[in-house]
């Protein structure tokens, strides 16, 4: 029984130390983020005239910079691969709540 308790205590101690070591990794995860579109929406920095929502077709097939050049409006593509309509509805609600509402939005 003593051996079991010693091993349990040792395991708990090692688990606690390893868990606390990952606090440093977790605190730096947002700096290494590649796609900052959601962060821009939540911080209120997504004030564009034209927003494009969609799934993989919009993410792969629509180039916002070309639309921006041809129409002379600020455009941003919020299409995500493998996304559904509930996610885009959530994006639109959050976008309207935290940012200036866009003039046009395409689905």
PDB file of N, CA and C in Angstrom:
ATOM      1  N   UNK A   1       0.825  -1.188   0.000  1.00  0.00           N
ATOM      2  CA  UNK A   1       0.000   0.000   0.000  1.00  0.00           C
ATOM      3  C   UNK A   1       0.871   1.254   0.000  1.00  0.00           C
ATOM      4  N   UNK A   2       2.001   1.210   0.751  1.00  0.00           N
ATOM      5  CA  UNK A   2       2.886   2.369   0.781  1.00  0.00           C
ATOM      6  C   UNK A   2       3.486   2.633  -0.597  1.00  0.00           C
ATOM      7  N   UNK A   3       3.842   1.575  -1.298  1.00  0.00           N
ATOM      8  CA  UNK A   3       4.420   1.717  -2.632  1.00  0.00           C
ATOM      9  C   UNK A   3       3.397   2.351  -3.593  1.00  0.00           C
ATOM     10  N   UNK A   4       2.161   1.928  -3.496  1.00  0.00           N
ATOM     11  CA  UNK A   4       1.106   2.496  -4.332  1.00  0.00           C
ATOM     12  C   UNK A   4       0.919   3.981  -4.037  1.00  0.00           C
ATOM     13  N   UNK A   5       0.894   4.366  -2.786  1.00  0.00           N
ATOM     14  CA  UNK A   5       0.722   5.772  -2.421  1.00  0.00           C
ATOM     15  C   UNK A   5       1.915   6.613  -2.854  1.00  0.00           C
ATOM     16  N   UNK A   6       3.119   6.047  -2.746  1.00  0.00           N
ATOM     17  CA  UNK A   6       4.311   6.774  -3.195  1.00  0.00           C
ATOM     18  C   UNK A   6       4.261   7.002  -4.702  1.00  0.00           C
ATOM     19  N   UNK A   7       3.872   5.970  -5.451  1.00  0.00           N
ATOM     20  CA  UNK A   7       3.782   6.102  -6.902  1.00  0.00           C
ATOM     21  C   UNK A   7       2.665   7.078  -7.299  1.00  0.00           C
ATOM     22  N   UNK A   8       1.563   7.030  -6.587  1.00  0.00           N
ATOM     23  CA  UNK A   8       0.469   7.956  -6.854  1.00  0.00           C
ATOM     24  C   UNK A   8       0.896   9.397  -6.577  1.00  0.00           C
ATOM     25  N   UNK A   9       1.595   9.615  -5.501  1.00  0.00           N
ATOM     26  CA  UNK A   9       2.095  10.944  -5.169  1.00  0.00           C
ATOM     27  C   UNK A   9       3.124  11.413  -6.191  1.00  0.00           C
ATOM     28  N   UNK A  10       4.006  10.526  -6.607  1.00  0.00           N
ATOM     29  CA  UNK A  10       5.014  10.871  -7.609  1.00  0.00           C
ATOM     30  C   UNK A  10       4.347  11.207  -8.946  1.00  0.00           C
ATOM     31  N   UNK A  11       3.395  10.395  -9.355  1.00  0.00           N
ATOM     32  CA  UNK A  11       2.662  10.673 -10.596  1.00  0.00           C
ATOM     33  C   UNK A  11       1.940  12.010 -10.514  1.00  0.00           C
ATOM     34  N   UNK A  12       1.294  12.288  -9.408  1.00  0.00           N
ATOM     35  CA  UNK A  12       0.571  13.552  -9.237  1.00  0.00           C
ATOM     36  C   UNK A  12       1.527  14.732  -9.293  1.00  0.00           C
ATOM     37  N   UNK A  13       2.684  14.594  -8.685  1.00  0.00           N
ATOM     38  CA  UNK A  13       3.682  15.659  -8.692  1.00  0.00           C
ATOM     39  C   UNK A  13       4.202  15.907 -10.106  1.00  0.00           C
ATOM     40  N   UNK A  14       4.526  14.862 -10.829  1.00  0.00           N
ATOM     41  CA  UNK A  14       5.009  15.014 -12.204  1.00  0.00           C
ATOM     42  C   UNK A  14       3.918  15.611 -13.090  1.00  0.00           C
ATOM     43  N   UNK A  15       2.698  15.135 -12.932  1.00  0.00           N
ATOM     44  CA  UNK A  15       1.580  15.656 -13.714  1.00  0.00           C
ATOM     45  C   UNK A  15       1.369  17.145 -13.439  1.00  0.00           C
ATOM     46  N   UNK A  16       1.455  17.554 -12.188  1.00  0.00           N
ATOM     47  CA  UNK A  16       1.282  18.954 -11.815  1.00  0.00           C
ATOM     48  C   UNK A  16       2.375  19.820 -12.434  1.00  0.00           C
ATOM     49  N   UNK A  17       3.615  19.359 -12.386  1.00  0.00           N
ATOM     50  CA  UNK A  17       4.740  20.131 -12.931  1.00  0.00           C
ATOM     51  C   UNK A  17       4.607  20.275 -14.447  1.00  0.00           C
ATOM     52  N   UNK A  18       4.278  19.186 -15.122  1.00  0.00           N
ATOM     53  CA  UNK A  18       4.119  19.249 -16.579  1.00  0.00           C
ATOM     54  C   UNK A  18       2.942  20.136 -16.955  1.00  0.00           C
ATOM     55  N   UNK A  19       1.864  20.065 -16.205  1.00  0.00           N
ATOM     56  CA  UNK A  19       0.696  20.896 -16.476  1.00  0.00           C
ATOM     57  C   UNK A  19       1.034  22.378 -16.327  1.00  0.00           C
ATOM     58  N   UNK A  20       1.767  22.731 -15.307  1.00  0.00           N
ATOM     59  CA  UNK A  20       2.134  24.134 -15.092  1.00  0.00           C
ATOM     60  C   UNK A  20       3.148  24.614 -16.116  1.00  0.00           C
ATOM     61  N   UNK A  21       3.950  23.717 -16.666  1.00  0.00           N
ATOM     62  CA  UNK A  21       4.920  24.110 -17.687  1.00  0.00           C
ATOM     63  C   UNK A  21       4.214  24.537 -18.967  1.00  0.00           C
ATOM     64  N   UNK A  22       3.043  23.979 -19.241  1.00  0.00           N
ATOM     65  CA  UNK A  22       2.315  24.337 -20.454  1.00  0.00           C
ATOM     66  C   UNK A  22       1.596  25.673 -20.343  1.00  0.00           C
ATOM     67  N   UNK A  23       1.619  26.309 -19.200  1.00  0.00           N
ATOM     68  CA  UNK A  23       1.049  27.655 -19.079  1.00  0.00           C
ATOM     69  C   UNK A  23       1.831  28.617 -19.967  1.00  0.00           C
ATOM     70  N   UNK A  24       3.136  28.450 -20.037  1.00  0.00           N
ATOM     71  CA  UNK A  24       3.954  29.307 -20.898  1.00  0.00           C
ATOM     72  C   UNK A  24       3.621  29.104 -22.362  1.00  0.00           C
ATOM     73  N   UNK A  25       3.400  27.880 -22.753  1.00  0.00           N
ATOM     74  CA  UNK A  25       3.040  27.593 -24.143  1.00  0.00           C
ATOM     75  C   UNK A  25       1.661  28.165 -24.456  1.00  0.00           C
ATOM     76  N   UNK A  26       0.724  27.994 -23.557  1.00  0.00           N
ATOM     77  CA  UNK A  26      -0.642  28.462 -23.773  1.00  0.00           C
ATOM     78  C   UNK A  26      -0.717  29.988 -23.845  1.00  0.00           C
ATOM     79  N   UNK A  27       0.115  30.674 -23.087  1.00  0.00           N
ATOM     80  CA  UNK A  27       0.072  32.132 -23.094  1.00  0.00           C
ATOM     81  C   UNK A  27       0.618  32.720 -24.393  1.00  0.00           C
ATOM     82  N   UNK A  28       1.420  31.968 -25.132  1.00  0.00           N
ATOM     83  CA  UNK A  28       1.986  32.463 -26.381  1.00  0.00           C
ATOM     84  C   UNK A  28       1.285  31.922 -27.620  1.00  0.00           C
ATOM     85  N   UNK A  29       0.246  31.151 -27.467  1.00  0.00           N
ATOM     86  CA  UNK A  29      -0.435  30.557 -28.619  1.00  0.00           C
ATOM     87  C   UNK A  29      -1.061  31.604 -29.522  1.00  0.00           C
ATOM     88  N   UNK A  30      -1.623  32.661 -28.967  1.00  0.00           N
ATOM     89  CA  UNK A  30      -2.292  33.647 -29.806  1.00  0.00           C
ATOM     90  C   UNK A  30      -1.310  34.457 -30.646  1.00  0.00           C
ATOM     91  N   UNK A  31      -0.036  34.516 -30.264  1.00  0.00           N
ATOM     92  CA  UNK A  31       0.960  35.218 -31.070  1.00  0.00           C
ATOM     93  C   UNK A  31       1.300  34.429 -32.326  1.00  0.00           C
ATOM     94  N   UNK A  32       1.184  33.112 -32.279  1.00  0.00           N
ATOM     95  CA  UNK A  32       1.533  32.263 -33.415  1.00  0.00           C
ATOM     96  C   UNK A  32       0.345  31.959 -34.315  1.00  0.00           C
ATOM     97  N   UNK A  33      -0.762  32.600 -34.077  1.00  0.00           N
ATOM     98  CA  UNK A  33      -1.968  32.356 -34.858  1.00  0.00           C
ATOM     99  C   UNK A  33      -1.790  32.881 -36.274  1.00  0.00           C
ATOM    100  N   UNK A  34      -2.164  32.066 -37.242  1.00  0.00           N
ATOM    101  CA  UNK A  34      -2.018  32.442 -38.647  1.00  0.00           C
ATOM    102  C   UNK A  34      -3.208  33.259 -39.145  1.00  0.00           C
ATOM    103  N   UNK A  35      -4.396  32.816 -38.840  1.00  0.00           N
ATOM    104  CA  UNK A  35      -5.612  33.438 -39.330  1.00  0.00           C
ATOM    105  C   UNK A  35      -6.196  34.333 -38.246  1.00  0.00           C
ATOM    106  N   UNK A  36      -6.126  35.639 -38.431  1.00  0.00           N
ATOM    107  CA  UNK A  36      -6.557  36.584 -37.411  1.00  0.00           C
ATOM    108  C   UNK A  36      -7.901  37.235 -37.738  1.00  0.00           C
ATOM    109  N   UNK A  37      -8.694  36.600 -38.617  1.00  0.00           N
ATOM    110  CA  UNK A  37      -9.969  37.206 -38.996  1.00  0.00           C
ATOM    111  C   UNK A  37     -10.941  37.297 -37.827  1.00  0.00           C
ATOM    112  N   UNK A  38     -11.043  36.242 -37.029  1.00  0.00           N
ATOM    113  CA  UNK A  38     -11.952  36.276 -35.878  1.00  0.00           C
ATOM    114  C   UNK A  38     -11.503  37.308 -34.846  1.00  0.00           C
ATOM    115  N   UNK A  39     -10.209  37.426 -34.664  1.00  0.00           N
ATOM    116  CA  UNK A  39      -9.685  38.415 -33.718  1.00  0.00           C
ATOM    117  C   UNK A  39     -10.019  39.831 -34.184  1.00  0.00           C
ATOM    118  N   UNK A  40      -9.912  40.091 -35.480  1.00  0.00           N
ATOM    119  CA  UNK A  40     -10.262  41.411 -36.013  1.00  0.00           C
ATOM    120  C   UNK A  40     -11.745  41.720 -35.799  1.00  0.00           C
ATOM    121  N   UNK A  41     -12.594  40.718 -35.971  1.00  0.00           N
ATOM    122  CA  UNK A  41     -14.031  40.923 -35.777  1.00  0.00           C
ATOM    123  C   UNK A  41     -14.339  41.243 -34.319  1.00  0.00           C
ATOM    124  N   UNK A  42     -13.753  40.484 -33.402  1.00  0.00           N
ATOM    125  CA  UNK A  42     -14.044  40.682 -31.983  1.00  0.00           C
ATOM    126  C   UNK A  42     -13.434  41.967 -31.436  1.00  0.00           C
ATOM    127  N   UNK A  43     -12.342  42.444 -32.009  1.00  0.00           N
ATOM    128  CA  UNK A  43     -11.717  43.678 -31.544  1.00  0.00           C
ATOM    129  C   UNK A  43     -12.328  44.923 -32.174  1.00  0.00           C
ATOM    130  N   UNK A  44     -13.231  44.754 -33.126  1.00  0.00           N
ATOM    131  CA  UNK A  44     -13.877  45.901 -33.753  1.00  0.00           C
ATOM    132  C   UNK A  44     -13.054  46.535 -34.850  1.00  0.00           C
ATOM    133  N   UNK A  45     -12.130  45.811 -35.437  1.00  0.00           N
ATOM    134  CA  UNK A  45     -11.266  46.353 -36.481  1.00  0.00           C
ATOM    135  C   UNK A  45     -11.689  45.916 -37.874  1.00  0.00           C
ATOM    136  N   UNK A  46     -12.870  45.355 -38.026  1.00  0.00           N
ATOM    137  CA  UNK A  46     -13.343  44.849 -39.317  1.00  0.00           C
ATOM    138  C   UNK A  46     -14.395  45.801 -39.874  1.00  0.00           C
ATOM    139  N   UNK A  47     -13.988  46.990 -40.242  1.00  0.00           N
ATOM    140  CA  UNK A  47     -14.915  47.969 -40.803  1.00  0.00           C
ATOM    141  C   UNK A  47     -14.714  48.030 -42.304  1.00  0.00           C
ATOM    142  N   UNK A  48     -15.402  47.175 -43.018  1.00  0.00           N
ATOM    143  CA  UNK A  48     -15.286  47.088 -44.472  1.00  0.00           C
ATOM    144  C   UNK A  48     -16.642  47.369 -45.099  1.00  0.00           C
ATOM    145  N   UNK A  49     -16.640  47.756 -46.378  1.00  0.00           N
ATOM    146  CA  UNK A  49     -17.877  48.051 -47.096  1.00  0.00           C
ATOM    147  C   UNK A  49     -18.548  46.801 -47.633  1.00  0.00           C
ATOM    148  N   UNK A  50     -17.747  45.798 -48.008  1.00  0.00           N
ATOM    149  CA  UNK A  50     -18.273  44.595 -48.627  1.00  0.00           C
ATOM    150  C   UNK A  50     -17.677  43.378 -47.934  1.00  0.00           C
ATOM    151  N   UNK A  51     -18.536  42.498 -47.454  1.00  0.00           N
ATOM    152  CA  UNK A  51     -18.069  41.275 -46.793  1.00  0.00           C
ATOM    153  C   UNK A  51     -18.597  40.067 -47.549  1.00  0.00           C
ATOM    154  N   UNK A  52     -17.748  39.062 -47.688  1.00  0.00           N
ATOM    155  CA  UNK A  52     -18.114  37.844 -48.398  1.00  0.00           C
ATOM    156  C   UNK A  52     -18.115  36.705 -47.400  1.00  0.00           C
ATOM    157  N   UNK A  53     -19.260  36.053 -47.241  1.00  0.00           N
ATOM    158  CA  UNK A  53     -19.397  34.900 -46.362  1.00  0.00           C
ATOM    159  C   UNK A  53     -19.573  33.663 -47.218  1.00  0.00           C
ATOM    160  N   UNK A  54     -19.050  32.549 -46.760  1.00  0.00           N
ATOM    161  CA  UNK A  54     -19.253  31.323 -47.502  1.00  0.00           C
ATOM    162  C   UNK A  54     -18.389  30.200 -46.982  1.00  0.00           C
ATOM    163  N   UNK A  55     -18.520  29.062 -47.641  1.00  0.00           N
ATOM    164  CA  UNK A  55     -17.739  27.888 -47.237  1.00  0.00           C
ATOM    165  C   UNK A  55     -16.508  27.773 -48.128  1.00  0.00           C
ATOM    166  N   UNK A  56     -16.141  26.574 -48.492  1.00  0.00           N
ATOM    167  CA  UNK A  56     -14.899  26.347 -49.220  1.00  0.00           C
ATOM    168  C   UNK A  56     -14.900  26.980 -50.612  1.00  0.00           C
ATOM    169  N   UNK A  57     -16.050  27.077 -51.244  1.00  0.00           N
ATOM    170  CA  UNK A  57     -16.081  27.704 -52.571  1.00  0.00           C
ATOM    171  C   UNK A  57     -15.701  29.179 -52.495  1.00  0.00           C
ATOM    172  N   UNK A  58     -16.216  29.855 -51.496  1.00  0.00           N
ATOM    173  CA  UNK A  58     -15.856  31.257 -51.331  1.00  0.00           C
ATOM    174  C   UNK A  58     -14.423  31.442 -50.869  1.00  0.00           C
ATOM    175  N   UNK A  59     -13.931  30.507 -50.064  1.00  0.00           N
ATOM    176  CA  UNK A  59     -12.567  30.611 -49.564  1.00  0.00           C
ATOM    177  C   UNK A  59     -11.545  30.374 -50.667  1.00  0.00           C
ATOM    178  N   UNK A  60     -11.869  29.479 -51.594  1.00  0.00           N
ATOM    179  CA  UNK A  60     -10.923  29.147 -52.660  1.00  0.00           C
ATOM    180  C   UNK A  60     -11.146  29.944 -53.940  1.00  0.00           C
ATOM    181  N   UNK A  61     -12.392  30.341 -54.201  1.00  0.00           N
ATOM    182  CA  UNK A  61     -12.699  30.905 -55.499  1.00  0.00           C
ATOM    183  C   UNK A  61     -12.871  32.409 -55.552  1.00  0.00           C
ATOM    184  N   UNK A  62     -13.026  33.077 -54.438  1.00  0.00           N
ATOM    185  CA  UNK A  62     -13.269  34.515 -54.433  1.00  0.00           C
ATOM    186  C   UNK A  62     -12.025  35.220 -53.905  1.00  0.00           C
ATOM    187  N   UNK A  63     -11.509  36.149 -54.691  1.00  0.00           N
ATOM    188  CA  UNK A  63     -10.322  36.906 -54.296  1.00  0.00           C
ATOM    189  C   UNK A  63     -10.773  38.326 -53.981  1.00  0.00           C
ATOM    190  N   UNK A  64     -10.729  38.673 -52.723  1.00  0.00           N
ATOM    191  CA  UNK A  64     -11.264  39.958 -52.268  1.00  0.00           C
ATOM    192  C   UNK A  64     -10.451  41.129 -52.802  1.00  0.00           C
ATOM    193  N   UNK A  65      -9.166  40.965 -52.978  1.00  0.00           N
ATOM    194  CA  UNK A  65      -8.343  42.077 -53.464  1.00  0.00           C
ATOM    195  C   UNK A  65      -8.708  42.456 -54.900  1.00  0.00           C
ATOM    196  N   UNK A  66      -9.083  41.493 -55.732  1.00  0.00           N
ATOM    197  CA  UNK A  66      -9.497  41.810 -57.098  1.00  0.00           C
ATOM    198  C   UNK A  66     -10.826  42.552 -57.102  1.00  0.00           C
ATOM    199  N   UNK A  67     -11.747  42.130 -56.246  1.00  0.00           N
ATOM    200  CA  UNK A  67     -13.030  42.831 -56.136  1.00  0.00           C
ATOM    201  C   UNK A  67     -12.802  44.245 -55.615  1.00  0.00           C
ATOM    202  N   UNK A  68     -11.902  44.372 -54.664  1.00  0.00           N
ATOM    203  CA  UNK A  68     -11.586  45.674 -54.090  1.00  0.00           C
ATOM    204  C   UNK A  68     -11.003  46.612 -55.153  1.00  0.00           C
ATOM    205  N   UNK A  69     -10.122  46.093 -56.008  1.00  0.00           N
ATOM    206  CA  UNK A  69      -9.517  46.916 -57.059  1.00  0.00           C
ATOM    207  C   UNK A  69     -10.528  47.328 -58.125  1.00  0.00           C
ATOM    208  N   UNK A  70     -11.412  46.415 -58.492  1.00  0.00           N
ATOM    209  CA  UNK A  70     -12.337  46.734 -59.582  1.00  0.00           C
ATOM    210  C   UNK A  70     -13.513  47.600 -59.134  1.00  0.00           C
ATOM    211  N   UNK A  71     -13.987  47.456 -57.905  1.00  0.00           N
ATOM    212  CA  UNK A  71     -15.148  48.221 -57.437  1.00  0.00           C
ATOM    213  C   UNK A  71     -14.788  49.441 -56.597  1.00  0.00           C
ATOM    214  N   UNK A  72     -13.529  49.570 -56.207  1.00  0.00           N
ATOM    215  CA  UNK A  72     -13.058  50.666 -55.349  1.00  0.00           C
ATOM    216  C   UNK A  72     -13.812  50.732 -54.019  1.00  0.00           C
ATOM    217  N   UNK A  73     -14.015  49.587 -53.410  1.00  0.00           N
ATOM    218  CA  UNK A  73     -14.612  49.507 -52.075  1.00  0.00           C
ATOM    219  C   UNK A  73     -13.709  48.645 -51.198  1.00  0.00           C
ATOM    220  N   UNK A  74     -13.814  48.817 -49.918  1.00  0.00           N
ATOM    221  CA  UNK A  74     -13.057  47.969 -48.992  1.00  0.00           C
ATOM    222  C   UNK A  74     -13.771  46.623 -48.881  1.00  0.00           C
ATOM    223  N   UNK A  75     -13.067  45.549 -49.204  1.00  0.00           N
ATOM    224  CA  UNK A  75     -13.678  44.233 -49.276  1.00  0.00           C
ATOM    225  C   UNK A  75     -12.875  43.252 -48.420  1.00  0.00           C
ATOM    226  N   UNK A  76     -13.595  42.278 -47.822  1.00  0.00           N
ATOM    227  CA  UNK A  76     -12.927  41.261 -47.015  1.00  0.00           C
ATOM    228  C   UNK A  76     -13.660  39.940 -47.166  1.00  0.00           C
ATOM    229  N   UNK A  77     -12.903  38.872 -47.300  1.00  0.00           N
ATOM    230  CA  UNK A  77     -13.468  37.544 -47.490  1.00  0.00           C
ATOM    231  C   UNK A  77     -13.474  36.806 -46.156  1.00  0.00           C
ATOM    232  N   UNK A  78     -14.657  36.491 -45.648  1.00  0.00           N
ATOM    233  CA  UNK A  78     -14.805  35.759 -44.393  1.00  0.00           C
ATOM    234  C   UNK A  78     -15.270  34.327 -44.639  1.00  0.00           C
ATOM    235  N   UNK A  79     -14.867  33.761 -45.741  1.00  0.00           N
ATOM    236  CA  UNK A  79     -15.228  32.374 -46.058  1.00  0.00           C
ATOM    237  C   UNK A  79     -14.236  31.436 -45.397  1.00  0.00           C
ATOM    238  N   UNK A  80     -14.761  30.389 -44.800  1.00  0.00           N
ATOM    239  CA  UNK A  80     -13.937  29.393 -44.128  1.00  0.00           C
ATOM    240  C   UNK A  80     -14.194  28.028 -44.751  1.00  0.00           C
ATOM    241  N   UNK A  81     -13.135  27.255 -44.906  1.00  0.00           N
ATOM    242  CA  UNK A  81     -13.263  25.903 -45.425  1.00  0.00           C
ATOM    243  C   UNK A  81     -13.957  25.032 -44.376  1.00  0.00           C
ATOM    244  N   UNK A  82     -14.888  24.188 -44.820  1.00  0.00           N
ATOM    245  CA  UNK A  82     -15.644  23.263 -43.974  1.00  0.00           C
ATOM    246  C   UNK A  82     -16.459  23.981 -42.898  1.00  0.00           C
ATOM    247  N   UNK A  83     -17.083  25.086 -43.257  1.00  0.00           N
ATOM    248  CA  UNK A  83     -17.916  25.800 -42.298  1.00  0.00           C
ATOM    249  C   UNK A  83     -19.388  25.618 -42.675  1.00  0.00           C
ATOM    250  N   UNK A  84     -20.264  25.929 -41.727  1.00  0.00           N
ATOM    251  CA  UNK A  84     -21.695  25.782 -41.964  1.00  0.00           C
ATOM    252  C   UNK A  84     -22.407  27.118 -41.755  1.00  0.00           C
ATOM    253  N   UNK A  85     -23.698  27.126 -42.021  1.00  0.00           N
ATOM    254  CA  UNK A  85     -24.462  28.370 -41.988  1.00  0.00           C
ATOM    255  C   UNK A  85     -24.586  28.930 -40.571  1.00  0.00           C
ATOM    256  N   UNK A  86     -24.627  28.073 -39.561  1.00  0.00           N
ATOM    257  CA  UNK A  86     -24.720  28.562 -38.183  1.00  0.00           C
ATOM    258  C   UNK A  86     -23.476  29.365 -37.797  1.00  0.00           C
ATOM    259  N   UNK A  87     -22.317  28.904 -38.251  1.00  0.00           N
ATOM    260  CA  UNK A  87     -21.080  29.621 -37.959  1.00  0.00           C
ATOM    261  C   UNK A  87     -21.080  30.993 -38.621  1.00  0.00           C
ATOM    262  N   UNK A  88     -21.547  31.065 -39.860  1.00  0.00           N
ATOM    263  CA  UNK A  88     -21.558  32.349 -40.556  1.00  0.00           C
ATOM    264  C   UNK A  88     -22.627  33.283 -39.999  1.00  0.00           C
ATOM    265  N   UNK A  89     -23.715  32.729 -39.516  1.00  0.00           N
ATOM    266  CA  UNK A  89     -24.711  33.555 -38.842  1.00  0.00           C
ATOM    267  C   UNK A  89     -24.139  34.138 -37.555  1.00  0.00           C
ATOM    268  N   UNK A  90     -23.395  33.320 -36.824  1.00  0.00           N
ATOM    269  CA  UNK A  90     -22.708  33.805 -35.625  1.00  0.00           C
ATOM    270  C   UNK A  90     -21.718  34.911 -35.976  1.00  0.00           C
ATOM    271  N   UNK A  91     -20.950  34.713 -37.051  1.00  0.00           N
ATOM    272  CA  UNK A  91     -19.990  35.737 -37.482  1.00  0.00           C
ATOM    273  C   UNK A  91     -20.682  37.053 -37.789  1.00  0.00           C
ATOM    274  N   UNK A  92     -21.789  36.988 -38.494  1.00  0.00           N
ATOM    275  CA  UNK A  92     -22.514  38.205 -38.858  1.00  0.00           C
ATOM    276  C   UNK A  92     -23.061  38.910 -37.627  1.00  0.00           C
ATOM    277  N   UNK A  93     -23.619  38.154 -36.676  1.00  0.00           N
ATOM    278  CA  UNK A  93     -24.139  38.775 -35.452  1.00  0.00           C
ATOM    279  C   UNK A  93     -23.037  39.444 -34.645  1.00  0.00           C
ATOM    280  N   UNK A  94     -21.907  38.765 -34.508  1.00  0.00           N
ATOM    281  CA  UNK A  94     -20.783  39.341 -33.763  1.00  0.00           C
ATOM    282  C   UNK A  94     -20.211  40.535 -34.498  1.00  0.00           C
ATOM    283  N   UNK A  95     -20.132  40.448 -35.806  1.00  0.00           N
ATOM    284  CA  UNK A  95     -19.600  41.540 -36.605  1.00  0.00           C
ATOM    285  C   UNK A  95     -20.455  42.789 -36.466  1.00  0.00           C
ATOM    286  N   UNK A  96     -21.774  42.627 -36.508  1.00  0.00           N
ATOM    287  CA  UNK A  96     -22.669  43.779 -36.379  1.00  0.00           C
ATOM    288  C   UNK A  96     -22.628  44.346 -34.965  1.00  0.00           C
ATOM    289  N   UNK A  97     -22.449  43.487 -33.971  1.00  0.00           N
ATOM    290  CA  UNK A  97     -22.408  43.938 -32.585  1.00  0.00           C
ATOM    291  C   UNK A  97     -21.132  44.730 -32.277  1.00  0.00           C
ATOM    292  N   UNK A  98     -19.988  44.315 -32.816  1.00  0.00           N
ATOM    293  CA  UNK A  98     -18.714  44.917 -32.440  1.00  0.00           C
ATOM    294  C   UNK A  98     -18.140  45.871 -33.479  1.00  0.00           C
ATOM    295  N   UNK A  99     -18.670  45.908 -34.681  1.00  0.00           N
ATOM    296  CA  UNK A  99     -18.120  46.725 -35.754  1.00  0.00           C
ATOM    297  C   UNK A  99     -19.214  47.556 -36.400  1.00  0.00           C
ATOM    298  N   UNK A 100     -18.770  48.418 -37.298  1.00  0.00           N
ATOM    299  CA  UNK A 100     -19.715  49.162 -38.117  1.00  0.00           C
ATOM    300  C   UNK A 100     -20.305  48.194 -39.135  1.00  0.00           C
ATOM    301  N   UNK A 101     -21.612  48.218 -39.323  1.00  0.00           N
ATOM    302  CA  UNK A 101     -22.241  47.245 -40.226  1.00  0.00           C
ATOM    303  C   UNK A 101     -21.833  47.529 -41.677  1.00  0.00           C
ATOM    304  N   UNK A 102     -21.621  46.458 -42.459  1.00  0.00           N
ATOM    305  CA  UNK A 102     -21.179  46.643 -43.848  1.00  0.00           C
ATOM    306  C   UNK A 102     -22.318  47.133 -44.737  1.00  0.00           C
ATOM    307  N   UNK A 103     -21.937  47.743 -45.868  1.00  0.00           N
ATOM    308  CA  UNK A 103     -22.943  48.193 -46.830  1.00  0.00           C
ATOM    309  C   UNK A 103     -23.537  47.011 -47.575  1.00  0.00           C
ATOM    310  N   UNK A 104     -22.710  46.030 -47.920  1.00  0.00           N
ATOM    311  CA  UNK A 104     -23.158  44.842 -48.643  1.00  0.00           C
ATOM    312  C   UNK A 104     -22.516  43.608 -48.015  1.00  0.00           C
ATOM    313  N   UNK A 105     -23.231  42.503 -48.100  1.00  0.00           N
ATOM    314  CA  UNK A 105     -22.649  41.226 -47.699  1.00  0.00           C
ATOM    315  C   UNK A 105     -23.165  40.159 -48.653  1.00  0.00           C
ATOM    316  N   UNK A 106     -22.270  39.301 -49.102  1.00  0.00           N
ATOM    317  CA  UNK A 106     -22.629  38.243 -50.035  1.00  0.00           C
ATOM    318  C   UNK A 106     -22.489  36.912 -49.343  1.00  0.00           C
ATOM    319  N   UNK A 107     -23.452  36.019 -49.579  1.00  0.00           N
ATOM    320  CA  UNK A 107     -23.447  34.670 -48.980  1.00  0.00           C
ATOM    321  C   UNK A 107     -23.230  33.662 -50.059  1.00  0.00           C
TER     322      UNK A 107
END
